Amino acid sequence: MINVKTYNVEETLKNGVSVTVRAIRADDKQGILEAFKDLAAETLYSRFFAPKKDLSEKELKQLTEVDFDRTVALVITLPVDGRDTIIGGGAPCKRQDAQPSQEDRSANEYGNQR
């Protein structure tokens, strides 16, 4: 069985770009903030159903400190200028009142274009 807490795989996109898909970590808060700031206003609106300019500390904690029991959160990273940059992510969640699962995805414009 896969240990989702340590999930980390290299993948190649259709355009040949190599990315890493891995479990989100508590230390990803800054990377999430940077990716958030790269999102277009329309993307943010469709994600949050309202204009949004920043993430609160509570929201960052919810996004990056998941239990990996009820929620599994993955990020997609790309090496940029010698460091991994978050370009996308997702958190499929099974809610008690939902049929199989609901999936939440967001990716910054860089990830969508490449």
Protein backbone atom coordinates (compact mmCIF):
# COMPACT_ATOMS: atom_id res chain seq x y z
CA MET A 1 0.00 0.00 0.00
CA ILE A 2 1.21 3.53 -0.77
CA ASN A 3 2.21 5.73 2.17
CA VAL A 4 0.55 8.97 1.10
CA LYS A 5 2.36 11.01 3.78
CA THR A 6 5.65 10.40 1.95
CA TYR A 7 4.31 10.18 -1.62
CA ASN A 8 6.87 11.63 -4.05
CA VAL A 9 7.10 10.74 -7.75
CA GLU A 10 8.70 12.32 -10.78
CA GLU A 11 6.43 12.71 -13.80
CA THR A 12 6.85 14.08 -17.30
CA LEU A 13 4.14 16.32 -18.74
CA LYS A 14 2.96 15.92 -22.34
CA ASN A 15 5.19 18.84 -23.35
CA GLY A 16 8.27 17.09 -21.90
CA VAL A 17 8.59 19.19 -18.71
CA SER A 18 9.58 17.15 -15.64
CA VAL A 19 7.61 17.79 -12.46
CA THR A 20 7.35 16.24 -9.02
CA VAL A 21 4.03 15.15 -7.55
CA ARG A 22 4.33 14.82 -3.78
CA ALA A 23 2.46 14.99 -0.51
CA ILE A 24 1.99 18.50 0.81
CA ARG A 25 4.02 19.42 3.89
CA ALA A 26 3.56 21.94 6.70
CA ASP A 27 6.63 23.80 5.38
CA ASP A 28 4.87 24.43 2.03
CA LYS A 29 3.06 27.51 3.38
CA GLN A 30 5.33 30.02 1.60
CA GLY A 31 5.14 28.06 -1.65
CA ILE A 32 1.34 27.96 -1.44
CA LEU A 33 1.26 31.73 -0.86
CA GLU A 34 3.51 32.31 -3.89
CA ALA A 35 1.35 30.05 -6.09
CA PHE A 36 -1.80 31.78 -4.80
CA LYS A 37 -0.43 35.19 -5.80
CA ASP A 38 0.15 33.89 -9.35
CA LEU A 39 -3.49 32.91 -9.81
CA ALA A 40 -5.65 35.08 -12.06
CA ALA A 41 -8.58 36.94 -10.47
CA GLU A 42 -11.03 34.80 -12.47
CA THR A 43 -9.42 31.59 -11.18
CA LEU A 44 -9.58 32.85 -7.60
CA TYR A 45 -13.22 33.84 -8.01
CA SER A 46 -14.19 30.42 -9.37
CA ARG A 47 -12.28 28.75 -6.51
CA PHE A 48 -13.59 30.89 -3.63
CA PHE A 49 -16.84 32.26 -5.17
CA ALA A 50 -15.74 35.79 -4.24
CA PRO A 51 -12.80 38.10 -4.90
CA LYS A 52 -9.87 37.08 -2.71
CA LYS A 53 -6.48 38.73 -2.36
CA ASP A 54 -4.75 36.63 0.29
CA LEU A 55 -4.95 33.49 2.40
CA SER A 56 -5.34 33.67 6.16
CA GLU A 57 -3.08 31.78 8.57
CA LYS A 58 -6.02 29.46 9.29
CA GLU A 59 -6.50 28.73 5.57
CA LEU A 60 -2.76 28.08 5.11
CA LYS A 61 -2.81 25.67 8.03
CA GLN A 62 -5.85 23.85 6.58
CA LEU A 63 -4.12 23.54 3.21
CA THR A 64 -0.71 22.41 4.42
CA GLU A 65 -1.33 20.50 7.66
CA VAL A 66 -3.62 17.69 6.56
CA ASP A 67 -4.16 14.45 8.46
CA PHE A 68 -3.65 12.09 5.45
CA ASP A 69 -6.44 9.99 6.89
CA ARG A 70 -9.56 11.86 5.81
CA THR A 71 -7.74 14.28 3.50
CA VAL A 72 -4.85 13.67 1.14
CA ALA A 73 -3.22 16.77 -0.33
CA LEU A 74 -0.70 16.66 -3.15
CA VAL A 75 1.29 19.42 -4.81
CA ILE A 76 2.98 19.56 -8.18
CA THR A 77 6.37 21.21 -8.17
CA LEU A 78 8.73 22.39 -10.87
CA PRO A 79 12.36 23.37 -10.36
CA VAL A 80 12.72 27.13 -11.02
CA ASP A 81 15.97 28.98 -10.32
CA GLY A 82 17.35 26.10 -8.27
CA ARG A 83 14.34 25.58 -6.01
CA ASP A 84 11.07 23.70 -6.22
CA THR A 85 8.12 25.92 -7.08
CA ILE A 86 4.54 24.80 -6.48
CA ILE A 87 2.61 25.03 -9.73
CA GLY A 88 -0.49 23.09 -8.77
CA GLY A 89 -2.13 20.84 -6.28
CA GLY A 90 -5.19 18.98 -5.23
CA ALA A 91 -6.94 17.53 -2.24
CA PRO A 92 -9.44 14.76 -2.93
CA CYS A 93 -11.67 14.48 0.15
CA LYS A 94 -14.30 11.99 1.12
CA ARG A 95 -17.07 13.66 3.02
CA GLN A 96 -19.52 11.64 5.06
CA ASP A 97 -22.46 13.12 3.15
CA ALA A 98 -20.89 12.76 -0.31
CA GLN A 99 -20.92 9.93 -2.76
CA PRO A 100 -17.50 8.41 -3.47
CA SER A 101 -15.42 11.59 -3.18
CA GLN A 102 -15.16 15.19 -4.15
CA GLU A 103 -12.00 16.60 -5.57
CA ASP A 104 -10.65 20.08 -5.21
CA ARG A 105 -8.03 21.23 -7.66
CA SER A 106 -6.30 24.46 -8.32
CA ALA A 107 -3.22 25.26 -10.32
CA ASN A 108 -1.56 28.51 -11.08
CA GLU A 109 -1.57 29.88 -14.60
CA TYR A 110 1.97 28.62 -15.20
CA GLY A 111 0.88 25.05 -14.58
CA ASN A 112 -2.21 25.43 -16.76
CA GLN A 113 -0.25 26.76 -19.73
CA ARG A 114 2.54 24.22 -19.77
